[in-house]
Amino acid sequence: MRRQEEDKTEVKKPTSSTQHLKWTPPTQNWIKCNTDGAWHKDHQQQGIGWVSRDYAGRLLWAGAQRFEGLSSPVETEATALNWAIRSMARLGYSQVIFETDSQVLARMIEGSAETWPKIQPIIQDITQSLQKNRSYRVEFFSRDGNKTADRIAKEAFSLLNHVPKLYSMVPSWLKPVLEADMPSVGLNYDVGLNNIG
C-alpha cells in the first residue's frame, strides 16, 4: 500500500480541562522558542510563526512568514521549526529549547518515527543544525502551551508577500495572546511589555 503522506493530517487535540497546560518559561540562562504552522488545504496557503522568550517571559525575537505549496500540516510545522532554529543560530543564541506542538514532527526528529520522504530534506536540515548547536534541543509540548506561536502563524496569512518578517518588539496584535499565554510568570512579565511596537 502506497503511503499517502500528503493527505495525512495531524489532529492536534487540546488537552482536557483538568490537564490544561500553559506556556512555562525556561530556567534562567535558557531561552524557549515556540514554533507553529497554520495550514489551509482549500486555499493552498500556509503560515509559519515562532517566538523566543527568556526566563522572565520577555520577547526576544519572533518571526512570521506566508507560504504556498507546502504539502501537509507536518511539512508546515517542520518548515517553521527549521526557520526558527536557523534564525536563533544566526542571531547568536545558545541554550535554546524549541517547542513544537506536532508530536509527529518531534518523533521524526528524535528518530522514533519514520520520516516521510517529502519532508526528509527539512528533517535533515533540522538535525544537522541541532548537531552544530549542541545546546539546542527540540521538545513536544501541548497546543495549549503554544498559543503565541499559533497566533503568529495565523497572522502570517495577512502578509502581502512571502518575505519573512522578524519582530524584536511585541506587535500590538500579539500583546493580548502573549500576556494570556503566560500567566505563571506574573508581574515579571511587565518588563517584557516595554518593547511594544
N, C-alpha and C. Protein backbone atom coordinates (compact mmCIF):
# COMPACT_ATOMS: atom_id res chain seq x y z
N MET A 1 0.85 -1.19 0.00
CA MET A 1 0.00 0.00 0.00
C MET A 1 0.89 1.24 0.00
N ARG A 2 0.66 2.11 -0.95
CA ARG A 2 1.49 3.31 -1.08
C ARG A 2 1.12 4.34 -0.02
N ARG A 3 2.12 4.90 0.58
CA ARG A 3 1.90 5.91 1.64
C ARG A 3 1.37 7.20 1.01
N GLN A 4 0.34 7.73 1.57
CA GLN A 4 -0.25 8.98 1.08
C GLN A 4 0.00 10.08 2.09
N GLU A 5 1.27 10.45 2.25
CA GLU A 5 1.61 11.41 3.29
C GLU A 5 1.02 12.79 3.06
N GLU A 6 0.80 13.16 1.79
CA GLU A 6 0.26 14.48 1.53
C GLU A 6 -1.15 14.61 2.09
N ASP A 7 -1.90 13.50 2.12
CA ASP A 7 -3.27 13.55 2.59
C ASP A 7 -3.38 13.38 4.09
N LYS A 8 -2.30 12.98 4.73
CA LYS A 8 -2.35 12.79 6.17
C LYS A 8 -2.40 14.14 6.85
N THR A 9 -3.26 14.25 7.80
CA THR A 9 -3.30 15.46 8.61
C THR A 9 -3.07 15.07 10.05
N GLU A 10 -2.47 15.96 10.76
CA GLU A 10 -2.21 15.71 12.17
C GLU A 10 -3.25 16.48 12.97
N VAL A 11 -4.03 15.76 13.71
CA VAL A 11 -5.04 16.40 14.54
C VAL A 11 -4.41 16.74 15.87
N LYS A 12 -4.41 18.02 16.19
CA LYS A 12 -3.85 18.48 17.47
C LYS A 12 -5.00 18.61 18.44
N LYS A 13 -5.14 17.60 19.29
CA LYS A 13 -6.25 17.61 20.24
C LYS A 13 -5.88 18.43 21.46
N PRO A 14 -6.76 19.36 21.84
CA PRO A 14 -6.48 20.09 23.07
C PRO A 14 -6.57 19.16 24.26
N THR A 15 -5.81 19.45 25.29
CA THR A 15 -5.86 18.62 26.48
C THR A 15 -7.17 18.86 27.19
N SER A 16 -7.57 17.93 28.03
CA SER A 16 -8.81 18.09 28.78
C SER A 16 -8.66 19.23 29.76
N SER A 17 -9.79 19.76 30.22
CA SER A 17 -9.75 20.92 31.11
C SER A 17 -9.02 20.61 32.41
N THR A 18 -9.00 19.34 32.81
CA THR A 18 -8.30 19.00 34.05
C THR A 18 -6.79 18.97 33.85
N GLN A 19 -6.36 18.89 32.60
CA GLN A 19 -4.94 18.84 32.31
C GLN A 19 -4.50 20.06 31.50
N HIS A 20 -5.21 21.16 31.61
CA HIS A 20 -4.93 22.36 30.81
C HIS A 20 -3.51 22.86 31.11
N LEU A 21 -2.68 22.89 30.10
CA LEU A 21 -1.29 23.28 30.26
C LEU A 21 -1.07 24.66 29.66
N LYS A 22 -0.30 25.47 30.32
CA LYS A 22 0.06 26.79 29.83
C LYS A 22 1.54 26.80 29.47
N TRP A 23 1.91 27.82 28.72
CA TRP A 23 3.33 28.02 28.42
C TRP A 23 4.07 28.23 29.73
N THR A 24 5.23 27.62 29.83
CA THR A 24 6.06 27.81 31.02
C THR A 24 7.41 28.37 30.58
N PRO A 25 7.95 29.30 31.32
CA PRO A 25 9.23 29.90 30.94
C PRO A 25 10.37 28.91 31.15
N PRO A 26 11.47 29.11 30.44
CA PRO A 26 12.65 28.27 30.67
C PRO A 26 13.34 28.68 31.97
N THR A 27 14.28 27.87 32.38
CA THR A 27 15.08 28.25 33.55
C THR A 27 16.03 29.38 33.16
N GLN A 28 16.57 30.05 34.16
CA GLN A 28 17.47 31.16 33.90
C GLN A 28 18.64 30.69 33.04
N ASN A 29 19.13 31.55 32.18
CA ASN A 29 20.21 31.29 31.22
C ASN A 29 19.78 30.44 30.02
N TRP A 30 18.51 30.11 29.95
CA TRP A 30 17.98 29.39 28.79
C TRP A 30 16.95 30.26 28.09
N ILE A 31 16.68 29.92 26.84
CA ILE A 31 15.66 30.59 26.02
C ILE A 31 14.69 29.52 25.55
N LYS A 32 13.44 29.87 25.48
CA LYS A 32 12.46 28.95 24.91
C LYS A 32 11.90 29.56 23.64
N CYS A 33 11.87 28.76 22.59
CA CYS A 33 11.38 29.20 21.29
C CYS A 33 10.25 28.27 20.86
N ASN A 34 9.05 28.81 20.79
CA ASN A 34 7.89 28.04 20.36
C ASN A 34 7.66 28.26 18.87
N THR A 35 7.30 27.19 18.17
CA THR A 35 7.09 27.27 16.73
C THR A 35 5.72 26.69 16.38
N ASP A 36 5.17 27.14 15.26
CA ASP A 36 3.89 26.59 14.81
C ASP A 36 3.69 26.85 13.33
N GLY A 37 2.85 26.02 12.74
CA GLY A 37 2.47 26.17 11.35
C GLY A 37 0.96 26.17 11.22
N ALA A 38 0.43 27.03 10.38
CA ALA A 38 -1.01 27.07 10.08
C ALA A 38 -1.18 26.68 8.62
N TRP A 39 -2.06 25.74 8.37
CA TRP A 39 -2.18 25.13 7.04
C TRP A 39 -3.62 25.12 6.59
N HIS A 40 -3.89 25.71 5.40
CA HIS A 40 -5.24 25.69 4.83
C HIS A 40 -5.17 24.99 3.48
N LYS A 41 -5.64 23.76 3.45
CA LYS A 41 -5.61 22.98 2.21
C LYS A 41 -6.46 23.63 1.12
N ASP A 42 -7.63 24.14 1.48
CA ASP A 42 -8.54 24.72 0.49
C ASP A 42 -7.96 25.94 -0.20
N HIS A 43 -7.22 26.74 0.53
CA HIS A 43 -6.67 27.97 -0.04
C HIS A 43 -5.23 27.82 -0.51
N GLN A 44 -4.64 26.64 -0.30
CA GLN A 44 -3.25 26.40 -0.68
C GLN A 44 -2.32 27.46 -0.09
N GLN A 45 -2.61 27.88 1.12
CA GLN A 45 -1.76 28.84 1.81
C GLN A 45 -1.34 28.26 3.15
N GLN A 46 -0.15 28.64 3.55
CA GLN A 46 0.36 28.23 4.84
C GLN A 46 1.01 29.43 5.52
N GLY A 47 0.97 29.42 6.82
CA GLY A 47 1.65 30.45 7.60
C GLY A 47 2.52 29.77 8.64
N ILE A 48 3.69 30.32 8.87
CA ILE A 48 4.55 29.78 9.92
C ILE A 48 4.92 30.91 10.88
N GLY A 49 5.14 30.52 12.12
CA GLY A 49 5.50 31.51 13.12
C GLY A 49 6.32 30.91 14.23
N TRP A 50 7.10 31.74 14.85
CA TRP A 50 7.88 31.32 16.02
C TRP A 50 8.09 32.53 16.93
N VAL A 51 8.32 32.23 18.20
CA VAL A 51 8.56 33.28 19.19
C VAL A 51 9.57 32.77 20.20
N SER A 52 10.57 33.59 20.50
CA SER A 52 11.57 33.22 21.51
C SER A 52 11.44 34.16 22.70
N ARG A 53 11.51 33.56 23.91
CA ARG A 53 11.37 34.32 25.14
C ARG A 53 12.39 33.85 26.16
N ASP A 54 12.74 34.74 27.07
CA ASP A 54 13.70 34.39 28.11
C ASP A 54 12.98 33.87 29.35
N TYR A 55 13.74 33.66 30.42
CA TYR A 55 13.18 33.08 31.65
C TYR A 55 12.14 33.97 32.31
N ALA A 56 12.17 35.28 32.03
CA ALA A 56 11.18 36.20 32.59
C ALA A 56 9.97 36.36 31.66
N GLY A 57 9.99 35.67 30.54
CA GLY A 57 8.88 35.76 29.59
C GLY A 57 8.99 36.90 28.61
N ARG A 58 10.12 37.60 28.60
CA ARG A 58 10.30 38.72 27.68
C ARG A 58 10.52 38.22 26.26
N LEU A 59 9.84 38.85 25.32
CA LEU A 59 10.04 38.51 23.92
C LEU A 59 11.44 38.94 23.49
N LEU A 60 12.17 38.03 22.89
CA LEU A 60 13.48 38.35 22.32
C LEU A 60 13.32 38.60 20.82
N TRP A 61 12.80 37.60 20.13
CA TRP A 61 12.54 37.70 18.70
C TRP A 61 11.32 36.86 18.36
N ALA A 62 10.67 37.22 17.27
CA ALA A 62 9.58 36.43 16.72
C ALA A 62 9.65 36.55 15.20
N GLY A 63 9.09 35.57 14.52
CA GLY A 63 9.09 35.59 13.06
C GLY A 63 7.79 35.07 12.49
N ALA A 64 7.39 35.62 11.35
CA ALA A 64 6.19 35.18 10.64
C ALA A 64 6.48 35.17 9.14
N GLN A 65 5.94 34.17 8.45
CA GLN A 65 6.12 34.10 7.00
C GLN A 65 4.95 33.36 6.38
N ARG A 66 4.52 33.84 5.22
CA ARG A 66 3.44 33.19 4.46
C ARG A 66 4.06 32.32 3.37
N PHE A 67 3.45 31.17 3.14
CA PHE A 67 3.91 30.23 2.13
C PHE A 67 2.75 29.79 1.27
N GLU A 68 3.10 29.23 0.12
CA GLU A 68 2.15 28.50 -0.71
C GLU A 68 2.85 27.23 -1.17
N GLY A 69 2.10 26.14 -1.27
CA GLY A 69 2.64 24.93 -1.85
C GLY A 69 3.21 23.90 -0.90
N LEU A 70 3.19 24.15 0.40
CA LEU A 70 3.61 23.11 1.33
C LEU A 70 2.53 22.03 1.35
N SER A 71 2.95 20.77 1.39
CA SER A 71 2.01 19.69 1.09
C SER A 71 1.21 19.15 2.27
N SER A 72 1.58 19.47 3.49
CA SER A 72 0.88 18.88 4.64
C SER A 72 1.08 19.75 5.88
N PRO A 73 0.26 19.55 6.90
CA PRO A 73 0.47 20.26 8.16
C PRO A 73 1.85 19.96 8.76
N VAL A 74 2.30 18.72 8.66
CA VAL A 74 3.60 18.37 9.25
C VAL A 74 4.74 19.06 8.51
N GLU A 75 4.64 19.18 7.18
CA GLU A 75 5.66 19.90 6.44
C GLU A 75 5.67 21.38 6.84
N THR A 76 4.50 21.94 7.09
CA THR A 76 4.41 23.33 7.53
C THR A 76 5.04 23.50 8.91
N GLU A 77 4.75 22.58 9.82
CA GLU A 77 5.35 22.61 11.16
C GLU A 77 6.87 22.48 11.08
N ALA A 78 7.35 21.58 10.22
CA ALA A 78 8.79 21.36 10.07
C ALA A 78 9.47 22.60 9.50
N THR A 79 8.82 23.26 8.55
CA THR A 79 9.37 24.48 7.96
C THR A 79 9.48 25.58 9.01
N ALA A 80 8.47 25.69 9.87
CA ALA A 80 8.51 26.69 10.95
C ALA A 80 9.66 26.40 11.91
N LEU A 81 9.80 25.15 12.32
CA LEU A 81 10.86 24.79 13.25
C LEU A 81 12.24 25.01 12.64
N ASN A 82 12.40 24.64 11.38
CA ASN A 82 13.69 24.80 10.70
C ASN A 82 14.08 26.28 10.64
N TRP A 83 13.13 27.14 10.29
CA TRP A 83 13.42 28.58 10.22
C TRP A 83 13.77 29.12 11.60
N ALA A 84 13.05 28.70 12.62
CA ALA A 84 13.34 29.18 13.98
C ALA A 84 14.74 28.79 14.43
N ILE A 85 15.12 27.55 14.19
CA ILE A 85 16.46 27.08 14.59
C ILE A 85 17.53 27.87 13.86
N ARG A 86 17.37 28.03 12.55
CA ARG A 86 18.36 28.78 11.76
C ARG A 86 18.45 30.23 12.22
N SER A 87 17.29 30.82 12.51
CA SER A 87 17.27 32.23 12.94
C SER A 87 17.96 32.41 14.28
N MET A 88 17.67 31.55 15.23
CA MET A 88 18.28 31.67 16.56
C MET A 88 19.79 31.45 16.47
N ALA A 89 20.22 30.55 15.60
CA ALA A 89 21.66 30.33 15.41
C ALA A 89 22.31 31.57 14.80
N ARG A 90 21.68 32.15 13.78
CA ARG A 90 22.23 33.35 13.13
C ARG A 90 22.28 34.54 14.08
N LEU A 91 21.32 34.59 14.99
CA LEU A 91 21.28 35.68 15.97
C LEU A 91 22.25 35.44 17.13
N GLY A 92 22.92 34.30 17.13
CA GLY A 92 23.96 34.03 18.11
C GLY A 92 23.51 33.47 19.45
N TYR A 93 22.30 32.95 19.51
CA TYR A 93 21.79 32.42 20.78
C TYR A 93 22.21 30.97 20.98
N SER A 94 22.50 30.63 22.23
CA SER A 94 22.76 29.24 22.61
C SER A 94 21.80 28.88 23.73
N GLN A 95 21.81 27.63 24.12
CA GLN A 95 20.93 27.13 25.18
C GLN A 95 19.47 27.48 24.90
N VAL A 96 18.96 26.91 23.80
CA VAL A 96 17.60 27.19 23.36
C VAL A 96 16.80 25.89 23.34
N ILE A 97 15.63 25.93 23.95
CA ILE A 97 14.67 24.82 23.88
C ILE A 97 13.63 25.22 22.84
N PHE A 98 13.49 24.40 21.81
CA PHE A 98 12.48 24.64 20.77
C PHE A 98 11.29 23.74 21.06
N GLU A 99 10.12 24.34 21.19
CA GLU A 99 8.92 23.56 21.46
C GLU A 99 8.01 23.58 20.23
N THR A 100 7.55 22.38 19.86
CA THR A 100 6.58 22.22 18.78
C THR A 100 5.37 21.50 19.33
N ASP A 101 4.19 21.83 18.80
CA ASP A 101 3.00 21.10 19.23
C ASP A 101 2.66 19.97 18.26
N SER A 102 3.61 19.62 17.40
CA SER A 102 3.45 18.49 16.48
C SER A 102 4.23 17.29 17.03
N GLN A 103 3.49 16.35 17.60
CA GLN A 103 4.14 15.17 18.15
C GLN A 103 4.77 14.32 17.05
N VAL A 104 4.12 14.28 15.88
CA VAL A 104 4.67 13.54 14.74
C VAL A 104 6.04 14.10 14.36
N LEU A 105 6.15 15.41 14.26
CA LEU A 105 7.41 16.05 13.91
C LEU A 105 8.48 15.78 14.97
N ALA A 106 8.12 15.93 16.24
CA ALA A 106 9.09 15.70 17.31
C ALA A 106 9.62 14.27 17.26
N ARG A 107 8.77 13.32 16.97
CA ARG A 107 9.20 11.91 16.89
C ARG A 107 10.10 11.67 15.68
N MET A 108 9.81 12.32 14.57
CA MET A 108 10.68 12.18 13.39
C MET A 108 12.08 12.71 13.70
N ILE A 109 12.15 13.84 14.39
CA ILE A 109 13.45 14.45 14.70
C ILE A 109 14.25 13.58 15.66
N GLU A 110 13.59 13.01 16.65
CA GLU A 110 14.30 12.16 17.62
C GLU A 110 14.58 10.77 17.07
N GLY A 111 14.00 10.44 15.91
CA GLY A 111 14.27 9.16 15.27
C GLY A 111 13.37 8.04 15.72
N SER A 112 12.31 8.34 16.46
CA SER A 112 11.41 7.29 16.93
C SER A 112 10.22 7.07 15.99
N ALA A 113 10.16 7.85 14.91
CA ALA A 113 9.11 7.67 13.89
C ALA A 113 9.75 7.80 12.52
N GLU A 114 9.17 7.11 11.56
CA GLU A 114 9.68 7.15 10.19
C GLU A 114 9.51 8.56 9.62
N THR A 115 10.55 9.05 8.96
CA THR A 115 10.49 10.36 8.31
C THR A 115 9.87 10.20 6.94
N TRP A 116 8.87 11.00 6.65
CA TRP A 116 8.23 10.96 5.34
C TRP A 116 9.22 11.45 4.29
N PRO A 117 9.30 10.77 3.14
CA PRO A 117 10.25 11.19 2.10
C PRO A 117 10.09 12.65 1.67
N LYS A 118 8.86 13.14 1.62
CA LYS A 118 8.60 14.51 1.16
C LYS A 118 9.28 15.56 2.06
N ILE A 119 9.38 15.27 3.37
CA ILE A 119 9.96 16.27 4.27
C ILE A 119 11.34 15.85 4.79
N GLN A 120 11.89 14.79 4.23
CA GLN A 120 13.21 14.34 4.68
C GLN A 120 14.28 15.42 4.58
N PRO A 121 14.33 16.22 3.50
CA PRO A 121 15.35 17.28 3.45
C PRO A 121 15.22 18.29 4.59
N ILE A 122 13.99 18.62 4.98
CA ILE A 122 13.79 19.57 6.08
C ILE A 122 14.25 18.94 7.40
N ILE A 123 13.90 17.68 7.61
CA ILE A 123 14.31 16.98 8.84
C ILE A 123 15.83 16.89 8.90
N GLN A 124 16.47 16.64 7.77
CA GLN A 124 17.94 16.59 7.73
C GLN A 124 18.54 17.95 8.09
N ASP A 125 17.97 19.03 7.56
CA ASP A 125 18.43 20.37 7.92
C ASP A 125 18.32 20.60 9.42
N ILE A 126 17.19 20.21 9.99
CA ILE A 126 16.96 20.40 11.42
C ILE A 126 17.98 19.61 12.24
N THR A 127 18.16 18.33 11.92
CA THR A 127 19.08 17.51 12.71
C THR A 127 20.53 17.98 12.55
N GLN A 128 20.90 18.45 11.37
CA GLN A 128 22.25 18.99 11.19
C GLN A 128 22.45 20.26 12.01
N SER A 129 21.43 21.12 12.03
CA SER A 129 21.52 22.34 12.85
C SER A 129 21.63 22.00 14.33
N LEU A 130 20.90 20.98 14.77
CA LEU A 130 20.97 20.56 16.17
C LEU A 130 22.34 19.99 16.51
N GLN A 131 22.95 19.29 15.55
CA GLN A 131 24.30 18.74 15.78
C GLN A 131 25.34 19.86 15.86
N LYS A 132 25.17 20.91 15.08
CA LYS A 132 26.10 22.04 15.11
C LYS A 132 25.94 22.86 16.38
N ASN A 133 24.74 22.90 16.90
CA ASN A 133 24.42 23.69 18.09
C ASN A 133 24.00 22.73 19.20
N ARG A 134 24.97 22.19 19.89
CA ARG A 134 24.72 21.12 20.86
C ARG A 134 23.86 21.55 22.04
N SER A 135 23.75 22.84 22.29
CA SER A 135 22.92 23.29 23.41
C SER A 135 21.47 23.55 22.98
N TYR A 136 21.13 23.18 21.74
CA TYR A 136 19.75 23.29 21.27
C TYR A 136 19.06 21.95 21.46
N ARG A 137 17.79 21.99 21.80
CA ARG A 137 17.02 20.75 21.85
C ARG A 137 15.58 21.02 21.44
N VAL A 138 14.94 19.99 20.90
CA VAL A 138 13.56 20.09 20.43
C VAL A 138 12.69 19.22 21.32
N GLU A 139 11.57 19.79 21.76
CA GLU A 139 10.64 19.06 22.62
C GLU A 139 9.22 19.25 22.11
N PHE A 140 8.40 18.24 22.38
CA PHE A 140 6.97 18.35 22.11
C PHE A 140 6.31 18.98 23.32
N PHE A 141 5.37 19.89 23.07
CA PHE A 141 4.56 20.45 24.16
C PHE A 141 3.15 20.67 23.63
N SER A 142 2.19 20.53 24.51
CA SER A 142 0.78 20.64 24.15
C SER A 142 0.45 21.94 23.41
N ARG A 143 -0.53 21.84 22.56
CA ARG A 143 -1.02 23.00 21.82
C ARG A 143 -1.45 24.13 22.77
N ASP A 144 -1.94 23.76 23.95
CA ASP A 144 -2.37 24.77 24.92
C ASP A 144 -1.23 25.67 25.37
N GLY A 145 -0.02 25.19 25.29
CA GLY A 145 1.14 25.98 25.68
C GLY A 145 1.83 26.65 24.51
N ASN A 146 1.15 26.66 23.36
CA ASN A 146 1.78 27.17 22.13
C ASN A 146 0.92 28.24 21.45
N LYS A 147 0.11 28.93 22.21
CA LYS A 147 -0.86 29.85 21.62
C LYS A 147 -0.22 31.07 20.96
N THR A 148 0.89 31.53 21.49
CA THR A 148 1.53 32.71 20.89
C THR A 148 2.08 32.39 19.51
N ALA A 149 2.78 31.26 19.39
CA ALA A 149 3.31 30.86 18.08
C ALA A 149 2.16 30.58 17.10
N ASP A 150 1.08 30.01 17.60
CA ASP A 150 -0.10 29.76 16.77
C ASP A 150 -0.67 31.07 16.23
N ARG A 151 -0.75 32.07 17.08
CA ARG A 151 -1.27 33.39 16.67
C ARG A 151 -0.38 34.02 15.60
N ILE A 152 0.92 33.87 15.76
CA ILE A 152 1.86 34.43 14.78
C ILE A 152 1.71 33.73 13.44
N ALA A 153 1.61 32.39 13.47
CA ALA A 153 1.45 31.62 12.23
C ALA A 153 0.17 32.03 11.50
N LYS A 154 -0.90 32.26 12.24
CA LYS A 154 -2.15 32.69 11.61
C LYS A 154 -2.07 34.13 11.09
N GLU A 155 -1.34 34.97 11.79
CA GLU A 155 -1.14 36.35 11.34
C GLU A 155 -0.39 36.38 10.00
N ALA A 156 0.44 35.37 9.76
CA ALA A 156 1.21 35.32 8.52
C ALA A 156 0.31 35.29 7.29
N PHE A 157 -0.92 34.79 7.42
CA PHE A 157 -1.85 34.79 6.28
C PHE A 157 -2.16 36.21 5.81
N SER A 158 -2.05 37.19 6.70
CA SER A 158 -2.37 38.57 6.33
C SER A 158 -1.20 39.29 5.66
N LEU A 159 -0.03 38.67 5.63
CA LEU A 159 1.12 39.31 5.00
C LEU A 159 0.89 39.41 3.49
N LEU A 160 1.33 40.50 2.90
CA LEU A 160 1.06 40.76 1.48
C LEU A 160 1.98 39.99 0.55
N ASN A 161 3.10 39.49 1.07
CA ASN A 161 4.04 38.75 0.24
C ASN A 161 4.67 37.63 1.07
N HIS A 162 5.63 36.96 0.47
CA HIS A 162 6.27 35.82 1.13
C HIS A 162 7.57 36.19 1.84
N VAL A 163 7.83 37.46 1.96
CA VAL A 163 9.05 37.92 2.64
C VAL A 163 8.89 37.68 4.14
N PRO A 164 9.87 37.02 4.77
CA PRO A 164 9.76 36.77 6.21
C PRO A 164 9.81 38.06 7.01
N LYS A 165 9.02 38.11 8.07
CA LYS A 165 9.01 39.27 8.97
C LYS A 165 9.59 38.85 10.31
N LEU A 166 10.52 39.66 10.81
CA LEU A 166 11.09 39.44 12.13
C LEU A 166 10.67 40.57 13.05
N TYR A 167 10.39 40.23 14.29
CA TYR A 167 9.97 41.21 15.29
C TYR A 167 10.91 41.13 16.48
N SER A 168 11.45 42.27 16.89
CA SER A 168 12.22 42.32 18.13
C SER A 168 11.44 43.08 19.20
N MET A 169 10.28 43.58 18.82
CA MET A 169 9.36 44.25 19.75
C MET A 169 8.00 43.57 19.62
N VAL A 170 7.21 43.63 20.67
CA VAL A 170 5.90 42.98 20.66
C VAL A 170 4.94 43.79 19.79
N PRO A 171 4.46 43.22 18.66
CA PRO A 171 3.46 43.95 17.87
C PRO A 171 2.15 44.03 18.65
N SER A 172 1.39 45.08 18.42
CA SER A 172 0.16 45.29 19.20
C SER A 172 -0.83 44.14 19.04
N TRP A 173 -0.89 43.50 17.85
CA TRP A 173 -1.81 42.39 17.63
C TRP A 173 -1.41 41.14 18.42
N LEU A 174 -0.17 41.08 18.88
CA LEU A 174 0.31 39.90 19.60
C LEU A 174 0.22 40.06 21.12
N LYS A 175 0.16 41.30 21.59
CA LYS A 175 0.21 41.56 23.03
C LYS A 175 -0.82 40.77 23.84
N PRO A 176 -2.12 40.77 23.46
CA PRO A 176 -3.11 40.06 24.29
C PRO A 176 -2.83 38.56 24.44
N VAL A 177 -2.48 37.91 23.35
CA VAL A 177 -2.25 36.46 23.43
C VAL A 177 -0.94 36.16 24.14
N LEU A 178 0.04 37.03 23.98
CA LEU A 178 1.32 36.84 24.67
C LEU A 178 1.12 36.93 26.18
N GLU A 179 0.30 37.88 26.60
CA GLU A 179 0.01 38.02 28.03
C GLU A 179 -0.77 36.82 28.55
N ALA A 180 -1.78 36.38 27.79
CA ALA A 180 -2.62 35.26 28.22
C ALA A 180 -1.88 33.93 28.19
N ASP A 181 -0.86 33.85 27.35
CA ASP A 181 -0.11 32.61 27.17
C ASP A 181 0.75 32.27 28.38
N MET A 182 0.99 33.24 29.23
CA MET A 182 1.97 33.02 30.29
C MET A 182 1.58 33.61 31.63
N PRO A 183 0.46 33.23 32.19
CA PRO A 183 0.08 33.79 33.49
C PRO A 183 1.00 33.36 34.62
N SER A 184 1.71 32.27 34.45
CA SER A 184 2.57 31.77 35.54
C SER A 184 3.75 32.68 35.81
N VAL A 185 4.11 33.54 34.86
CA VAL A 185 5.25 34.43 35.06
C VAL A 185 4.85 35.62 35.92
N GLY A 186 3.58 36.02 35.82
CA GLY A 186 3.06 37.08 36.68
C GLY A 186 3.70 38.42 36.43
N LEU A 187 4.03 39.12 37.50
CA LEU A 187 4.49 40.50 37.41
C LEU A 187 5.81 40.64 36.68
N ASN A 188 6.64 39.62 36.66
CA ASN A 188 7.92 39.71 35.95
C ASN A 188 7.72 40.03 34.48
N TYR A 189 6.56 39.68 33.95
CA TYR A 189 6.32 39.87 32.53
C TYR A 189 6.20 41.34 32.16
N ASP A 190 5.81 42.20 33.10
CA ASP A 190 5.65 43.62 32.78
C ASP A 190 6.91 44.21 32.15
N VAL A 191 8.06 43.69 32.51
CA VAL A 191 9.32 44.17 31.94
C VAL A 191 9.34 43.94 30.44
N GLY A 192 8.81 42.80 30.00
CA GLY A 192 8.82 42.48 28.58
C GLY A 192 7.91 43.36 27.76
N LEU A 193 6.89 43.94 28.37
CA LEU A 193 5.95 44.76 27.61
C LEU A 193 6.47 46.15 27.33
N ASN A 194 7.66 46.48 27.81
CA ASN A 194 8.27 47.76 27.45
C ASN A 194 8.62 47.80 25.97
N ASN A 195 8.69 46.63 25.35
CA ASN A 195 9.08 46.54 23.95
C ASN A 195 7.88 46.41 23.02
N ILE A 196 6.83 47.13 23.29
CA ILE A 196 5.64 47.04 22.44
C ILE A 196 5.78 48.01 21.29
N GLY A 197 5.55 47.49 20.07
CA GLY A 197 5.66 48.33 18.89
C GLY A 197 4.35 48.55 18.23
